[in-house]
C-alpha cells in the first residue's frame, strides 16, 4: 500500500458537498429557466444534518434570483414555510439583506467554498439594523463561525 488514505470525515464532507451541489444545480437550472421551484420539494432528498446545509444553500439561491427580479425576500415569506429552521433563516436573511443581487455567492457551509468577504466578517459590535431588520440580540454562532442574530421586521 502507498500509505495514502482519505480521512473519513473529510471524505464524508466531500460527498455531502457533492450531493448538495448537485441538488442546488438542478434548483438553479429551474430558476434560470424562469420557473419557481419549491425549496421544500428539494429538501425531501435529504435528512439532518445535511438538510440544514441544503436549506441554507437553496435559500441563498432563491433569494438572489428573487432580488434579481426586483423582489424583496422577507422573513415573513419563509418562516411559515420553515418553522423549525429559524436559525438558518436568520443567518441567510442577515447575509442576503444588503447583498448585491448580481454578485451573490453561496454560503460558506463547506468552510472556504463560495466565500465572500462580507459573509465572514464579524462585526466588532452588534449592528443596530440589517436592512429593514432590527437586530435584537446574538443567538449564537453557526457551524462556520458566523453570528446568528434574532431580528425583528420594522
Foldseek 3Di string as FASTA:
>chain_A
DPPDDDDVVVVVLVVLVVVLVVLLVVLLVCLVVVHDDDLVVSLVVDDPPSSLVSVLQSVLSVQLSCVVVVHQDDPVVPCVVCVPNLQSSQLSCLQPQPDDSVDGWGACPPPPPRDDVVSPDDDPDDDQDRRQWGFDAWPQADPNGYTGTDTDGD
